Amino acid sequence: MNFKQIKEKLKDKTVGIAGCGGLGSNCAVALARVGVGKLIIADFDIIEESNLNRQYYFYNQIGQKKVFCLEENIRLINPEIKIEAHDIKLDSTSLINIYNACDVIVEAFDKAEMKQMIIEAVSEKLPQTPLVVGLGVAGWGENNAIHSRKVDNLFICGDEAAETTEDLPPLAPKVGVVAHMQANIVLEILLKDQ
């Protein structure tokens, strides 16, 4: 399948991205570059200087809302893409309301309790919708530990071990690898049997 055919297959697909930080911003940009038709993005946070080491934002965007800056950045890459941006702190109810029409949902949260919330909500309320999560993105190196695996309709990307701490922060290389792995799995799901 050539790139034109890929874009044709993706133009009517909708991907939800829950969180617009390191995983979410980089995954969204990758999907926009390959021609996914619509992205539904949600986050409540603002950009801080410390985010720039791994998130797809720029110095002049510090202090602004992540979700709206990501929308702006994506439009610079692909002005044809449809974007639905939500400035909201997601919970199990709003998550289902916002992402219920998605072909695939990408989890891109920092906190373990939020990851658990989305996994439980999607498996209970949207069991037919594939969910692609990032787990274990802190630190650097250990390339061979990064992997993906599938459990029913749940796809897990990362090393599944490295938790973020002050001495083991999330950094652009590893976060980017996992975010792009998530985007690659989304493409695999959307283009299967094509």
N, C-alpha and C. Protein backbone atom coordinates (compact mmCIF):
# COMPACT_ATOMS: atom_id res chain seq x y z
N MET A 1 0.85 -1.17 0.00
CA MET A 1 0.00 0.00 0.00
C MET A 1 0.90 1.24 0.00
N ASN A 2 0.71 2.12 -0.98
CA ASN A 2 1.53 3.34 -1.02
C ASN A 2 0.94 4.43 -0.11
N PHE A 3 1.68 5.54 0.04
CA PHE A 3 1.25 6.58 0.98
C PHE A 3 -0.10 7.18 0.60
N LYS A 4 -0.34 7.36 -0.68
CA LYS A 4 -1.63 7.90 -1.12
C LYS A 4 -2.77 6.97 -0.69
N GLN A 5 -2.58 5.66 -0.86
CA GLN A 5 -3.59 4.69 -0.45
C GLN A 5 -3.77 4.68 1.07
N ILE A 6 -2.67 4.81 1.80
CA ILE A 6 -2.74 4.87 3.26
C ILE A 6 -3.57 6.07 3.71
N LYS A 7 -3.26 7.24 3.14
CA LYS A 7 -4.01 8.45 3.50
C LYS A 7 -5.49 8.30 3.17
N GLU A 8 -5.79 7.66 2.05
CA GLU A 8 -7.19 7.44 1.65
C GLU A 8 -7.91 6.56 2.68
N LYS A 9 -7.23 5.54 3.18
CA LYS A 9 -7.82 4.65 4.19
C LYS A 9 -8.00 5.35 5.53
N LEU A 10 -7.10 6.29 5.85
CA LEU A 10 -7.11 6.94 7.16
C LEU A 10 -8.00 8.18 7.22
N LYS A 11 -8.38 8.73 6.09
CA LYS A 11 -9.05 10.03 6.08
C LYS A 11 -10.39 10.04 6.82
N ASP A 12 -11.05 8.90 6.94
CA ASP A 12 -12.33 8.84 7.63
C ASP A 12 -12.22 8.23 9.02
N LYS A 13 -11.00 8.06 9.51
CA LYS A 13 -10.77 7.45 10.83
C LYS A 13 -10.62 8.53 11.90
N THR A 14 -11.11 8.21 13.10
CA THR A 14 -11.03 9.12 14.24
C THR A 14 -10.25 8.46 15.36
N VAL A 15 -9.25 9.18 15.86
CA VAL A 15 -8.44 8.68 16.97
C VAL A 15 -8.57 9.66 18.13
N GLY A 16 -8.86 9.13 19.31
CA GLY A 16 -8.92 9.93 20.52
C GLY A 16 -7.60 9.84 21.27
N ILE A 17 -7.13 10.98 21.74
CA ILE A 17 -5.90 11.01 22.53
C ILE A 17 -6.21 11.68 23.85
N ALA A 18 -6.08 10.90 24.92
CA ALA A 18 -6.40 11.36 26.28
C ALA A 18 -5.11 11.80 26.96
N GLY A 19 -4.88 13.10 26.96
CA GLY A 19 -3.67 13.68 27.52
C GLY A 19 -2.80 14.25 26.41
N CYS A 20 -2.29 15.45 26.60
CA CYS A 20 -1.51 16.13 25.57
C CYS A 20 -0.09 16.45 26.03
N GLY A 21 0.46 15.59 26.88
CA GLY A 21 1.83 15.77 27.34
C GLY A 21 2.81 15.08 26.41
N GLY A 22 3.83 14.42 26.99
CA GLY A 22 4.88 13.81 26.20
C GLY A 22 4.37 12.75 25.25
N LEU A 23 3.62 11.78 25.75
CA LEU A 23 3.08 10.73 24.89
C LEU A 23 2.03 11.29 23.94
N GLY A 24 1.06 12.03 24.48
CA GLY A 24 -0.06 12.50 23.67
C GLY A 24 0.33 13.46 22.57
N SER A 25 1.18 14.43 22.88
CA SER A 25 1.54 15.42 21.85
C SER A 25 2.35 14.78 20.73
N ASN A 26 3.29 13.91 21.08
CA ASN A 26 4.12 13.27 20.06
C ASN A 26 3.34 12.24 19.24
N CYS A 27 2.46 11.50 19.88
CA CYS A 27 1.62 10.54 19.17
C CYS A 27 0.67 11.27 18.21
N ALA A 28 0.07 12.35 18.68
CA ALA A 28 -0.87 13.12 17.84
C ALA A 28 -0.17 13.67 16.60
N VAL A 29 1.03 14.19 16.78
CA VAL A 29 1.79 14.74 15.65
C VAL A 29 2.10 13.63 14.64
N ALA A 30 2.52 12.47 15.12
CA ALA A 30 2.83 11.35 14.22
C ALA A 30 1.59 10.95 13.42
N LEU A 31 0.44 10.88 14.09
CA LEU A 31 -0.79 10.49 13.39
C LEU A 31 -1.25 11.57 12.41
N ALA A 32 -1.05 12.83 12.76
CA ALA A 32 -1.40 13.92 11.85
C ALA A 32 -0.53 13.86 10.59
N ARG A 33 0.73 13.54 10.76
CA ARG A 33 1.67 13.48 9.63
C ARG A 33 1.29 12.40 8.63
N VAL A 34 0.71 11.29 9.09
CA VAL A 34 0.37 10.20 8.17
C VAL A 34 -1.05 10.30 7.62
N GLY A 35 -1.83 11.29 8.08
CA GLY A 35 -3.11 11.55 7.45
C GLY A 35 -4.35 11.02 8.15
N VAL A 36 -4.27 10.72 9.46
CA VAL A 36 -5.50 10.36 10.17
C VAL A 36 -6.49 11.51 10.01
N GLY A 37 -7.73 11.18 9.71
CA GLY A 37 -8.72 12.20 9.37
C GLY A 37 -9.14 13.12 10.49
N LYS A 38 -9.29 12.55 11.71
CA LYS A 38 -9.75 13.37 12.83
C LYS A 38 -9.08 12.92 14.11
N LEU A 39 -8.65 13.90 14.89
CA LEU A 39 -8.11 13.66 16.22
C LEU A 39 -9.01 14.34 17.24
N ILE A 40 -9.34 13.63 18.30
CA ILE A 40 -10.04 14.21 19.43
C ILE A 40 -9.04 14.23 20.58
N ILE A 41 -8.65 15.42 21.00
CA ILE A 41 -7.61 15.58 22.02
C ILE A 41 -8.20 16.27 23.25
N ALA A 42 -7.68 15.90 24.43
CA ALA A 42 -8.18 16.50 25.67
C ALA A 42 -7.06 16.60 26.69
N ASP A 43 -7.00 17.73 27.38
CA ASP A 43 -6.06 17.97 28.46
C ASP A 43 -6.51 19.25 29.16
N PHE A 44 -6.12 19.41 30.41
CA PHE A 44 -6.50 20.61 31.17
C PHE A 44 -5.29 21.46 31.54
N ASP A 45 -4.10 20.96 31.28
CA ASP A 45 -2.87 21.53 31.81
C ASP A 45 -2.31 22.65 30.92
N ILE A 46 -1.39 23.42 31.48
CA ILE A 46 -0.69 24.45 30.72
C ILE A 46 0.76 23.99 30.49
N ILE A 47 1.38 24.59 29.49
CA ILE A 47 2.76 24.25 29.14
C ILE A 47 3.70 24.95 30.10
N GLU A 48 4.64 24.18 30.63
CA GLU A 48 5.70 24.71 31.49
C GLU A 48 7.03 24.49 30.79
N GLU A 49 8.04 25.29 31.16
CA GLU A 49 9.34 25.15 30.53
C GLU A 49 9.88 23.73 30.67
N SER A 50 9.63 23.10 31.82
CA SER A 50 10.13 21.74 32.05
C SER A 50 9.50 20.71 31.09
N ASN A 51 8.38 21.04 30.47
CA ASN A 51 7.74 20.12 29.51
C ASN A 51 8.49 20.05 28.18
N LEU A 52 9.27 21.08 27.88
CA LEU A 52 9.87 21.18 26.56
C LEU A 52 10.91 20.10 26.29
N ASN A 53 11.37 19.39 27.34
CA ASN A 53 12.37 18.34 27.11
C ASN A 53 11.77 17.10 26.44
N ARG A 54 10.43 17.02 26.33
CA ARG A 54 9.84 15.80 25.79
C ARG A 54 8.49 16.02 25.10
N GLN A 55 7.94 17.19 25.17
CA GLN A 55 6.60 17.43 24.62
C GLN A 55 6.68 18.29 23.37
N TYR A 56 5.73 18.13 22.45
CA TYR A 56 5.77 18.80 21.16
C TYR A 56 5.21 20.23 21.26
N TYR A 57 5.95 21.05 22.00
CA TYR A 57 5.60 22.46 22.17
C TYR A 57 6.84 23.30 22.01
N PHE A 58 6.65 24.62 22.02
CA PHE A 58 7.74 25.54 21.76
C PHE A 58 7.83 26.58 22.89
N TYR A 59 8.99 27.17 23.01
CA TYR A 59 9.27 28.09 24.11
C TYR A 59 8.22 29.21 24.19
N ASN A 60 7.82 29.75 23.04
CA ASN A 60 6.84 30.86 23.04
C ASN A 60 5.44 30.42 23.46
N GLN A 61 5.22 29.10 23.66
CA GLN A 61 3.91 28.61 24.07
C GLN A 61 3.82 28.37 25.58
N ILE A 62 4.91 28.59 26.30
CA ILE A 62 4.91 28.41 27.75
C ILE A 62 3.80 29.28 28.37
N GLY A 63 3.05 28.68 29.29
CA GLY A 63 1.97 29.39 29.97
C GLY A 63 0.62 29.24 29.30
N GLN A 64 0.59 28.67 28.10
CA GLN A 64 -0.66 28.48 27.37
C GLN A 64 -1.19 27.06 27.58
N LYS A 65 -2.45 26.85 27.26
CA LYS A 65 -3.09 25.55 27.39
C LYS A 65 -2.50 24.56 26.38
N LYS A 66 -2.13 23.38 26.87
CA LYS A 66 -1.55 22.35 26.01
C LYS A 66 -2.48 21.97 24.87
N VAL A 67 -3.74 21.74 25.18
CA VAL A 67 -4.66 21.22 24.17
C VAL A 67 -4.81 22.17 22.99
N PHE A 68 -4.83 23.49 23.25
CA PHE A 68 -5.01 24.44 22.16
C PHE A 68 -3.70 24.67 21.40
N CYS A 69 -2.58 24.61 22.10
CA CYS A 69 -1.28 24.73 21.42
C CYS A 69 -1.02 23.50 20.55
N LEU A 70 -1.39 22.32 21.04
CA LEU A 70 -1.23 21.12 20.23
C LEU A 70 -2.09 21.21 18.97
N GLU A 71 -3.30 21.68 19.13
CA GLU A 71 -4.17 21.87 17.96
C GLU A 71 -3.49 22.80 16.95
N GLU A 72 -2.94 23.90 17.43
CA GLU A 72 -2.25 24.87 16.57
C GLU A 72 -1.05 24.23 15.88
N ASN A 73 -0.25 23.48 16.63
CA ASN A 73 0.95 22.86 16.07
C ASN A 73 0.60 21.81 15.02
N ILE A 74 -0.45 21.04 15.28
CA ILE A 74 -0.87 20.02 14.32
C ILE A 74 -1.36 20.68 13.04
N ARG A 75 -2.09 21.77 13.15
CA ARG A 75 -2.60 22.46 11.95
C ARG A 75 -1.46 23.00 11.08
N LEU A 76 -0.32 23.32 11.69
CA LEU A 76 0.84 23.76 10.91
C LEU A 76 1.42 22.60 10.11
N ILE A 77 1.25 21.39 10.60
CA ILE A 77 1.74 20.19 9.92
C ILE A 77 0.75 19.69 8.89
N ASN A 78 -0.53 19.67 9.26
CA ASN A 78 -1.58 19.12 8.39
C ASN A 78 -2.84 19.97 8.52
N PRO A 79 -2.97 21.00 7.69
CA PRO A 79 -4.12 21.89 7.81
C PRO A 79 -5.46 21.24 7.44
N GLU A 80 -5.43 20.06 6.82
CA GLU A 80 -6.67 19.39 6.42
C GLU A 80 -7.28 18.55 7.53
N ILE A 81 -6.54 18.28 8.57
CA ILE A 81 -7.02 17.39 9.63
C ILE A 81 -8.15 18.05 10.42
N LYS A 82 -9.10 17.25 10.85
CA LYS A 82 -10.15 17.73 11.74
C LYS A 82 -9.66 17.50 13.17
N ILE A 83 -9.81 18.50 14.01
CA ILE A 83 -9.38 18.39 15.40
C ILE A 83 -10.52 18.86 16.29
N GLU A 84 -10.81 18.04 17.27
CA GLU A 84 -11.78 18.39 18.31
C GLU A 84 -10.98 18.49 19.61
N ALA A 85 -10.85 19.70 20.13
CA ALA A 85 -10.01 19.93 21.31
C ALA A 85 -10.88 20.23 22.53
N HIS A 86 -10.57 19.54 23.64
CA HIS A 86 -11.32 19.70 24.88
C HIS A 86 -10.38 20.12 26.01
N ASP A 87 -10.63 21.29 26.57
CA ASP A 87 -9.89 21.78 27.74
C ASP A 87 -10.62 21.26 28.97
N ILE A 88 -10.23 20.07 29.44
CA ILE A 88 -10.96 19.40 30.51
C ILE A 88 -10.04 18.41 31.23
N LYS A 89 -10.26 18.27 32.52
CA LYS A 89 -9.62 17.19 33.26
C LYS A 89 -10.57 16.00 33.15
N LEU A 90 -10.14 15.00 32.43
CA LEU A 90 -11.01 13.86 32.15
C LEU A 90 -11.30 13.03 33.40
N ASP A 91 -12.53 12.52 33.46
CA ASP A 91 -12.90 11.52 34.45
C ASP A 91 -13.61 10.41 33.68
N SER A 92 -14.07 9.38 34.37
CA SER A 92 -14.63 8.23 33.66
C SER A 92 -15.87 8.58 32.85
N THR A 93 -16.65 9.55 33.29
CA THR A 93 -17.85 9.94 32.56
C THR A 93 -17.52 10.79 31.34
N SER A 94 -16.72 11.85 31.54
CA SER A 94 -16.38 12.74 30.41
C SER A 94 -15.57 11.99 29.36
N LEU A 95 -14.73 11.09 29.80
CA LEU A 95 -13.91 10.31 28.88
C LEU A 95 -14.78 9.53 27.90
N ILE A 96 -15.78 8.85 28.41
CA ILE A 96 -16.67 8.06 27.56
C ILE A 96 -17.47 8.98 26.64
N ASN A 97 -17.96 10.10 27.15
CA ASN A 97 -18.73 11.04 26.33
C ASN A 97 -17.90 11.61 25.19
N ILE A 98 -16.64 11.93 25.46
CA ILE A 98 -15.78 12.57 24.46
C ILE A 98 -15.27 11.57 23.41
N TYR A 99 -14.92 10.36 23.84
CA TYR A 99 -14.25 9.41 22.95
C TYR A 99 -15.13 8.27 22.44
N ASN A 100 -16.43 8.34 22.65
CA ASN A 100 -17.29 7.19 22.31
C ASN A 100 -17.39 6.90 20.82
N ALA A 101 -17.05 7.83 19.96
CA ALA A 101 -17.14 7.59 18.51
C ALA A 101 -15.79 7.33 17.87
N CYS A 102 -14.76 7.11 18.67
CA CYS A 102 -13.41 6.92 18.14
C CYS A 102 -13.20 5.49 17.64
N ASP A 103 -12.38 5.37 16.61
CA ASP A 103 -11.99 4.06 16.13
C ASP A 103 -10.94 3.43 17.04
N VAL A 104 -10.11 4.26 17.64
CA VAL A 104 -9.06 3.85 18.57
C VAL A 104 -8.89 4.97 19.58
N ILE A 105 -8.53 4.62 20.83
CA ILE A 105 -8.23 5.62 21.86
C ILE A 105 -6.79 5.39 22.32
N VAL A 106 -6.06 6.50 22.48
CA VAL A 106 -4.69 6.46 22.99
C VAL A 106 -4.68 7.06 24.38
N GLU A 107 -4.16 6.31 25.34
CA GLU A 107 -3.98 6.81 26.71
C GLU A 107 -2.62 7.47 26.79
N ALA A 108 -2.59 8.70 27.32
CA ALA A 108 -1.33 9.45 27.42
C ALA A 108 -1.28 10.25 28.72
N PHE A 109 -1.61 9.60 29.82
CA PHE A 109 -1.61 10.24 31.13
C PHE A 109 -0.28 10.03 31.85
N ASP A 110 0.01 10.91 32.81
CA ASP A 110 1.20 10.78 33.64
C ASP A 110 0.96 9.87 34.84
N LYS A 111 -0.21 10.02 35.44
CA LYS A 111 -0.46 9.38 36.74
C LYS A 111 -1.07 7.99 36.62
N ALA A 112 -0.61 7.09 37.47
CA ALA A 112 -1.06 5.69 37.46
C ALA A 112 -2.57 5.58 37.67
N GLU A 113 -3.12 6.41 38.58
CA GLU A 113 -4.56 6.31 38.84
C GLU A 113 -5.39 6.73 37.63
N MET A 114 -4.87 7.66 36.82
CA MET A 114 -5.58 8.06 35.60
C MET A 114 -5.48 6.95 34.55
N LYS A 115 -4.33 6.30 34.47
CA LYS A 115 -4.17 5.17 33.55
C LYS A 115 -5.17 4.07 33.91
N GLN A 116 -5.27 3.77 35.18
CA GLN A 116 -6.21 2.74 35.65
C GLN A 116 -7.64 3.15 35.33
N MET A 117 -7.97 4.42 35.54
CA MET A 117 -9.32 4.91 35.28
C MET A 117 -9.70 4.72 33.82
N ILE A 118 -8.82 5.08 32.89
CA ILE A 118 -9.17 4.96 31.47
C ILE A 118 -9.27 3.50 31.04
N ILE A 119 -8.38 2.66 31.55
CA ILE A 119 -8.44 1.23 31.21
C ILE A 119 -9.77 0.64 31.68
N GLU A 120 -10.16 0.94 32.91
CA GLU A 120 -11.41 0.41 33.45
C GLU A 120 -12.63 0.98 32.71
N ALA A 121 -12.62 2.29 32.45
CA ALA A 121 -13.77 2.92 31.79
C ALA A 121 -13.96 2.39 30.37
N VAL A 122 -12.88 2.31 29.61
CA VAL A 122 -13.00 1.85 28.23
C VAL A 122 -13.37 0.37 28.18
N SER A 123 -12.76 -0.45 29.04
CA SER A 123 -13.08 -1.89 29.01
C SER A 123 -14.53 -2.15 29.43
N GLU A 124 -15.07 -1.29 30.30
CA GLU A 124 -16.45 -1.48 30.75
C GLU A 124 -17.47 -0.87 29.79
N LYS A 125 -17.23 0.36 29.33
CA LYS A 125 -18.23 1.09 28.55
C LYS A 125 -18.02 1.03 27.03
N LEU A 126 -16.77 0.84 26.60
CA LEU A 126 -16.46 0.79 25.16
C LEU A 126 -15.59 -0.43 24.86
N PRO A 127 -16.05 -1.62 25.20
CA PRO A 127 -15.19 -2.80 25.11
C PRO A 127 -14.71 -3.15 23.69
N GLN A 128 -15.41 -2.68 22.68
CA GLN A 128 -15.00 -2.97 21.30
C GLN A 128 -13.97 -1.97 20.77
N THR A 129 -13.71 -0.90 21.51
CA THR A 129 -12.77 0.13 21.06
C THR A 129 -11.36 -0.21 21.54
N PRO A 130 -10.41 -0.35 20.62
CA PRO A 130 -9.03 -0.60 21.03
C PRO A 130 -8.49 0.57 21.85
N LEU A 131 -7.73 0.25 22.90
CA LEU A 131 -7.09 1.25 23.76
C LEU A 131 -5.59 0.98 23.75
N VAL A 132 -4.81 2.01 23.40
CA VAL A 132 -3.36 1.90 23.32
C VAL A 132 -2.76 2.73 24.45
N VAL A 133 -2.09 2.07 25.40
CA VAL A 133 -1.56 2.76 26.58
C VAL A 133 -0.03 2.78 26.57
N GLY A 134 0.52 3.78 27.28
CA GLY A 134 1.96 3.87 27.49
C GLY A 134 2.26 3.53 28.94
N LEU A 135 3.22 2.65 29.14
CA LEU A 135 3.54 2.21 30.50
C LEU A 135 5.04 1.96 30.62
N GLY A 136 5.70 2.81 31.41
CA GLY A 136 7.14 2.68 31.59
C GLY A 136 7.92 3.50 30.58
N VAL A 137 7.96 4.82 30.80
CA VAL A 137 8.64 5.71 29.84
C VAL A 137 9.74 6.55 30.48
N ALA A 138 10.00 6.35 31.76
CA ALA A 138 10.98 7.19 32.45
C ALA A 138 12.41 6.79 32.09
N GLY A 139 13.31 7.75 32.20
CA GLY A 139 14.73 7.48 32.05
C GLY A 139 15.21 7.47 30.61
N TRP A 140 16.28 6.71 30.39
CA TRP A 140 16.95 6.67 29.09
C TRP A 140 17.57 5.28 28.91
N GLY A 141 18.02 5.04 27.71
CA GLY A 141 18.66 3.75 27.43
C GLY A 141 17.68 2.60 27.52
N GLU A 142 18.23 1.40 27.75
CA GLU A 142 17.41 0.19 27.89
C GLU A 142 16.48 0.00 26.69
N ASN A 143 16.98 0.27 25.50
CA ASN A 143 16.14 0.15 24.30
C ASN A 143 15.50 -1.22 24.16
N ASN A 144 16.23 -2.26 24.49
CA ASN A 144 15.70 -3.61 24.30
C ASN A 144 14.59 -3.96 25.29
N ALA A 145 14.41 -3.14 26.33
CA ALA A 145 13.32 -3.38 27.28
C ALA A 145 12.00 -2.81 26.79
N ILE A 146 12.03 -1.91 25.82
CA ILE A 146 10.81 -1.28 25.31
C ILE A 146 10.15 -2.26 24.34
N HIS A 147 8.88 -2.48 24.56
CA HIS A 147 8.15 -3.47 23.76
C HIS A 147 6.67 -3.10 23.71
N SER A 148 5.92 -3.88 22.98
CA SER A 148 4.47 -3.75 22.99
C SER A 148 3.88 -5.14 23.17
N ARG A 149 2.71 -5.18 23.75
CA ARG A 149 1.98 -6.44 23.87
C ARG A 149 0.49 -6.15 23.88
N LYS A 150 -0.28 -7.17 23.53
CA LYS A 150 -1.73 -7.05 23.40
C LYS A 150 -2.39 -7.96 24.42
N VAL A 151 -3.39 -7.40 25.11
CA VAL A 151 -4.24 -8.18 26.02
C VAL A 151 -5.68 -7.84 25.64
N ASP A 152 -6.33 -8.75 24.95
CA ASP A 152 -7.68 -8.50 24.42
C ASP A 152 -7.66 -7.27 23.54
N ASN A 153 -8.39 -6.20 23.92
CA ASN A 153 -8.44 -4.97 23.13
C ASN A 153 -7.55 -3.87 23.71
N LEU A 154 -6.62 -4.27 24.59
CA LEU A 154 -5.68 -3.36 25.24
C LEU A 154 -4.29 -3.61 24.66
N PHE A 155 -3.66 -2.53 24.20
CA PHE A 155 -2.31 -2.60 23.65
C PHE A 155 -1.40 -1.78 24.57
N ILE A 156 -0.34 -2.40 25.06
CA ILE A 156 0.56 -1.76 26.03
C ILE A 156 1.90 -1.50 25.37
N CYS A 157 2.40 -0.27 25.48
CA CYS A 157 3.69 0.13 24.91
C CYS A 157 4.58 0.70 26.01
N GLY A 158 5.84 0.32 26.03
CA GLY A 158 6.80 0.84 27.00
C GLY A 158 7.61 -0.29 27.59
N ASP A 159 8.33 0.00 28.67
CA ASP A 159 9.09 -1.08 29.31
C ASP A 159 8.31 -1.70 30.47
N GLU A 160 7.16 -1.11 30.80
CA GLU A 160 6.25 -1.59 31.85
C GLU A 160 6.89 -1.62 33.23
N ALA A 161 7.98 -0.87 33.41
CA ALA A 161 8.67 -0.90 34.70
C ALA A 161 9.15 0.46 35.19
N ALA A 162 9.73 1.27 34.31
CA ALA A 162 10.39 2.50 34.72
C ALA A 162 9.39 3.58 35.12
N GLU A 163 9.24 3.77 36.43
CA GLU A 163 8.34 4.80 36.94
C GLU A 163 9.10 6.12 37.08
N THR A 164 8.41 7.20 36.80
CA THR A 164 9.01 8.52 36.86
C THR A 164 9.29 8.91 38.30
N THR A 165 10.53 9.36 38.57
CA THR A 165 10.93 9.92 39.86
C THR A 165 11.81 11.13 39.56
N GLU A 166 12.20 11.84 40.60
CA GLU A 166 13.08 12.99 40.40
C GLU A 166 14.41 12.57 39.78
N ASP A 167 14.90 11.39 40.16
CA ASP A 167 16.17 10.90 39.63
C ASP A 167 16.02 10.06 38.36
N LEU A 168 14.79 9.83 37.94
CA LEU A 168 14.52 9.08 36.71
C LEU A 168 13.38 9.78 35.97
N PRO A 169 13.68 10.97 35.41
CA PRO A 169 12.62 11.75 34.76
C PRO A 169 12.30 11.21 33.37
N PRO A 170 11.12 11.56 32.87
CA PRO A 170 10.81 11.23 31.48
C PRO A 170 11.59 12.19 30.57
N LEU A 171 12.24 11.65 29.56
CA LEU A 171 13.05 12.45 28.63
C LEU A 171 12.64 12.15 27.19
N ALA A 172 12.92 13.11 26.32
CA ALA A 172 12.45 13.05 24.93
C ALA A 172 12.74 11.74 24.21
N PRO A 173 13.95 11.18 24.28
CA PRO A 173 14.19 9.98 23.48
C PRO A 173 13.27 8.82 23.82
N LYS A 174 13.17 8.44 25.09
CA LYS A 174 12.35 7.28 25.46
C LYS A 174 10.86 7.59 25.33
N VAL A 175 10.45 8.77 25.74
CA VAL A 175 9.05 9.16 25.59
C VAL A 175 8.66 9.16 24.12
N GLY A 176 9.55 9.69 23.27
CA GLY A 176 9.28 9.72 21.83
C GLY A 176 9.17 8.34 21.22
N VAL A 177 10.05 7.43 21.64
CA VAL A 177 9.99 6.05 21.14
C VAL A 177 8.64 5.43 21.48
N VAL A 178 8.21 5.57 22.74
CA VAL A 178 6.95 4.96 23.16
C VAL A 178 5.76 5.64 22.48
N ALA A 179 5.78 6.96 22.35
CA ALA A 179 4.69 7.68 21.68
C ALA A 179 4.57 7.25 20.22
N HIS A 180 5.70 7.09 19.57
CA HIS A 180 5.66 6.65 18.17
C HIS A 180 5.28 5.18 18.05
N MET A 181 5.63 4.39 19.05
CA MET A 181 5.18 3.01 19.09
C MET A 181 3.65 2.98 19.22
N GLN A 182 3.10 3.85 20.06
CA GLN A 182 1.65 3.94 20.18
C GLN A 182 1.02 4.31 18.84
N ALA A 183 1.59 5.31 18.17
CA ALA A 183 1.06 5.74 16.86
C ALA A 183 1.16 4.60 15.85
N ASN A 184 2.24 3.84 15.89
CA ASN A 184 2.41 2.73 14.96
C ASN A 184 1.37 1.64 15.20
N ILE A 185 1.05 1.38 16.46
CA ILE A 185 0.00 0.40 16.76
C ILE A 185 -1.36 0.91 16.30
N VAL A 186 -1.61 2.21 16.48
CA VAL A 186 -2.87 2.78 15.97
C VAL A 186 -2.97 2.54 14.47
N LEU A 187 -1.89 2.78 13.73
CA LEU A 187 -1.92 2.53 12.28
C LEU A 187 -2.16 1.06 11.97
N GLU A 188 -1.52 0.19 12.72
CA GLU A 188 -1.71 -1.24 12.51
C GLU A 188 -3.17 -1.62 12.69
N ILE A 189 -3.80 -1.06 13.71
CA ILE A 189 -5.23 -1.34 13.96
C ILE A 189 -6.09 -0.78 12.83
N LEU A 190 -5.84 0.47 12.45
CA LEU A 190 -6.69 1.12 11.45
C LEU A 190 -6.49 0.58 10.04
N LEU A 191 -5.32 0.07 9.75
CA LEU A 191 -5.04 -0.40 8.39
C LEU A 191 -5.13 -1.91 8.23
N LYS A 192 -5.46 -2.62 9.30
CA LYS A 192 -5.56 -4.08 9.18
C LYS A 192 -6.65 -4.46 8.18
N ASP A 193 -6.41 -5.54 7.51
CA ASP A 193 -7.34 -6.06 6.49
C ASP A 193 -7.60 -5.06 5.37
N GLN A 194 -6.67 -4.16 5.15
CA GLN A 194 -6.86 -3.18 4.08
C GLN A 194 -6.11 -3.60 2.83
